[in-house]
Amino acid sequence: MDNEPVRTRTVSPCVRNCCLNENDICLGCFRSLAEITQWALVTEEERQGFLRNIEIRKLQLRDK
């Protein structure tokens, strides 16, 4: 029996509604263009950072 912990990969926040604003932020998933293009290449820790950035952007948009 394998005692290795099961590692899960963070699922992309993409909602297939891509439209970049003037700051290269997707209005569908709120990732930057750099975050979108790097998603498959970065570590899980970096993905978690991207997800935190998304939440910050959503709050900023709501507060406008």
C-alpha atoms as a PDB file:
ATOM      1  CA  MET A   1       0.000   0.000   0.000  1.00  0.00           C
ATOM      2  CA  ASP A   2       1.290   3.429  -0.964  1.00  0.00           C
ATOM      3  CA  ASN A   3       1.586   5.834   1.973  1.00  0.00           C
ATOM      4  CA  GLU A   4       2.406   8.853  -0.183  1.00  0.00           C
ATOM      5  CA  PRO A   5       0.024  11.776   0.408  1.00  0.00           C
ATOM      6  CA  VAL A   6      -2.371  12.448  -2.420  1.00  0.00           C
ATOM      7  CA  ARG A   7      -1.393  15.677  -4.132  1.00  0.00           C
ATOM      8  CA  THR A   8      -4.071  17.680  -5.811  1.00  0.00           C
ATOM      9  CA  ARG A   9      -3.512  20.313  -8.424  1.00  0.00           C
ATOM     10  CA  THR A  10      -5.321  23.589  -8.067  1.00  0.00           C
ATOM     11  CA  VAL A  11      -7.977  23.849 -10.757  1.00  0.00           C
ATOM     12  CA  SER A  12      -7.734  26.796 -13.089  1.00  0.00           C
ATOM     13  CA  PRO A  13     -10.188  29.600 -12.255  1.00  0.00           C
ATOM     14  CA  CYS A  14     -10.902  30.066 -15.969  1.00  0.00           C
ATOM     15  CA  VAL A  15     -14.626  30.442 -16.688  1.00  0.00           C
ATOM     16  CA  ARG A  16     -14.238  30.519 -20.496  1.00  0.00           C
ATOM     17  CA  ASN A  17     -15.368  34.127 -20.644  1.00  0.00           C
ATOM     18  CA  CYS A  18     -12.093  35.725 -21.682  1.00  0.00           C
ATOM     19  CA  CYS A  19     -11.962  39.455 -22.200  1.00  0.00           C
ATOM     20  CA  LEU A  20      -8.960  41.524 -21.135  1.00  0.00           C
ATOM     21  CA  ASN A  21      -9.394  45.053 -19.824  1.00  0.00           C
ATOM     22  CA  GLU A  22      -6.956  47.920 -20.409  1.00  0.00           C
ATOM     23  CA  ASN A  23      -4.715  46.551 -17.624  1.00  0.00           C
ATOM     24  CA  ASP A  24      -4.560  43.036 -19.155  1.00  0.00           C
ATOM     25  CA  ILE A  25      -6.839  41.592 -16.459  1.00  0.00           C
ATOM     26  CA  CYS A  26      -9.367  39.013 -17.622  1.00  0.00           C
ATOM     27  CA  LEU A  27     -12.899  40.124 -16.802  1.00  0.00           C
ATOM     28  CA  GLY A  28     -13.989  36.473 -16.595  1.00  0.00           C
ATOM     29  CA  CYS A  29     -11.515  35.020 -14.097  1.00  0.00           C
ATOM     30  CA  PHE A  30      -9.720  38.182 -12.887  1.00  0.00           C
ATOM     31  CA  ARG A  31      -6.234  36.807 -13.630  1.00  0.00           C
ATOM     32  CA  SER A  32      -3.590  38.964 -15.248  1.00  0.00           C
ATOM     33  CA  LEU A  33      -2.390  38.002 -18.692  1.00  0.00           C
ATOM     34  CA  ALA A  34       0.903  36.865 -17.116  1.00  0.00           C
ATOM     35  CA  GLU A  35      -0.954  34.677 -14.593  1.00  0.00           C
ATOM     36  CA  ILE A  36      -3.016  33.112 -17.375  1.00  0.00           C
ATOM     37  CA  THR A  37      -0.008  32.275 -19.532  1.00  0.00           C
ATOM     38  CA  GLN A  38       2.066  30.990 -16.603  1.00  0.00           C
ATOM     39  CA  TRP A  39      -0.648  28.900 -14.889  1.00  0.00           C
ATOM     40  CA  ALA A  40       0.487  25.530 -16.270  1.00  0.00           C
ATOM     41  CA  LEU A  41       4.148  26.271 -15.518  1.00  0.00           C
ATOM     42  CA  VAL A  42       4.096  27.473 -11.906  1.00  0.00           C
ATOM     43  CA  THR A  43       4.102  25.678  -8.564  1.00  0.00           C
ATOM     44  CA  GLU A  44       1.036  25.085  -6.433  1.00  0.00           C
ATOM     45  CA  GLU A  45       2.262  27.780  -4.054  1.00  0.00           C
ATOM     46  CA  GLU A  46       2.411  30.283  -6.897  1.00  0.00           C
ATOM     47  CA  ARG A  47      -1.078  29.264  -8.040  1.00  0.00           C
ATOM     48  CA  GLN A  48      -2.364  29.949  -4.543  1.00  0.00           C
ATOM     49  CA  GLY A  49      -0.790  33.397  -4.826  1.00  0.00           C
ATOM     50  CA  PHE A  50      -2.594  33.925  -8.127  1.00  0.00           C
ATOM     51  CA  LEU A  51      -5.879  32.977  -6.436  1.00  0.00           C
ATOM     52  CA  ARG A  52      -5.229  35.515  -3.666  1.00  0.00           C
ATOM     53  CA  ASN A  53      -4.574  38.155  -6.349  1.00  0.00           C
ATOM     54  CA  ILE A  54      -7.916  37.261  -7.942  1.00  0.00           C
ATOM     55  CA  GLU A  55      -9.778  37.824  -4.685  1.00  0.00           C
ATOM     56  CA  ILE A  56      -8.090  41.193  -4.200  1.00  0.00           C
ATOM     57  CA  ARG A  57      -9.009  42.254  -7.746  1.00  0.00           C
ATOM     58  CA  LYS A  58     -12.632  41.194  -7.258  1.00  0.00           C
ATOM     59  CA  LEU A  59     -12.861  43.275  -4.061  1.00  0.00           C
ATOM     60  CA  GLN A  60     -11.276  46.272  -5.776  1.00  0.00           C
ATOM     61  CA  LEU A  61     -13.742  46.050  -8.652  1.00  0.00           C
ATOM     62  CA  ARG A  62     -16.693  45.751  -6.274  1.00  0.00           C
ATOM     63  CA  ASP A  63     -15.545  48.811  -4.296  1.00  0.00           C
ATOM     64  CA  LYS A  64     -15.377  51.055  -7.388  1.00  0.00           C
END
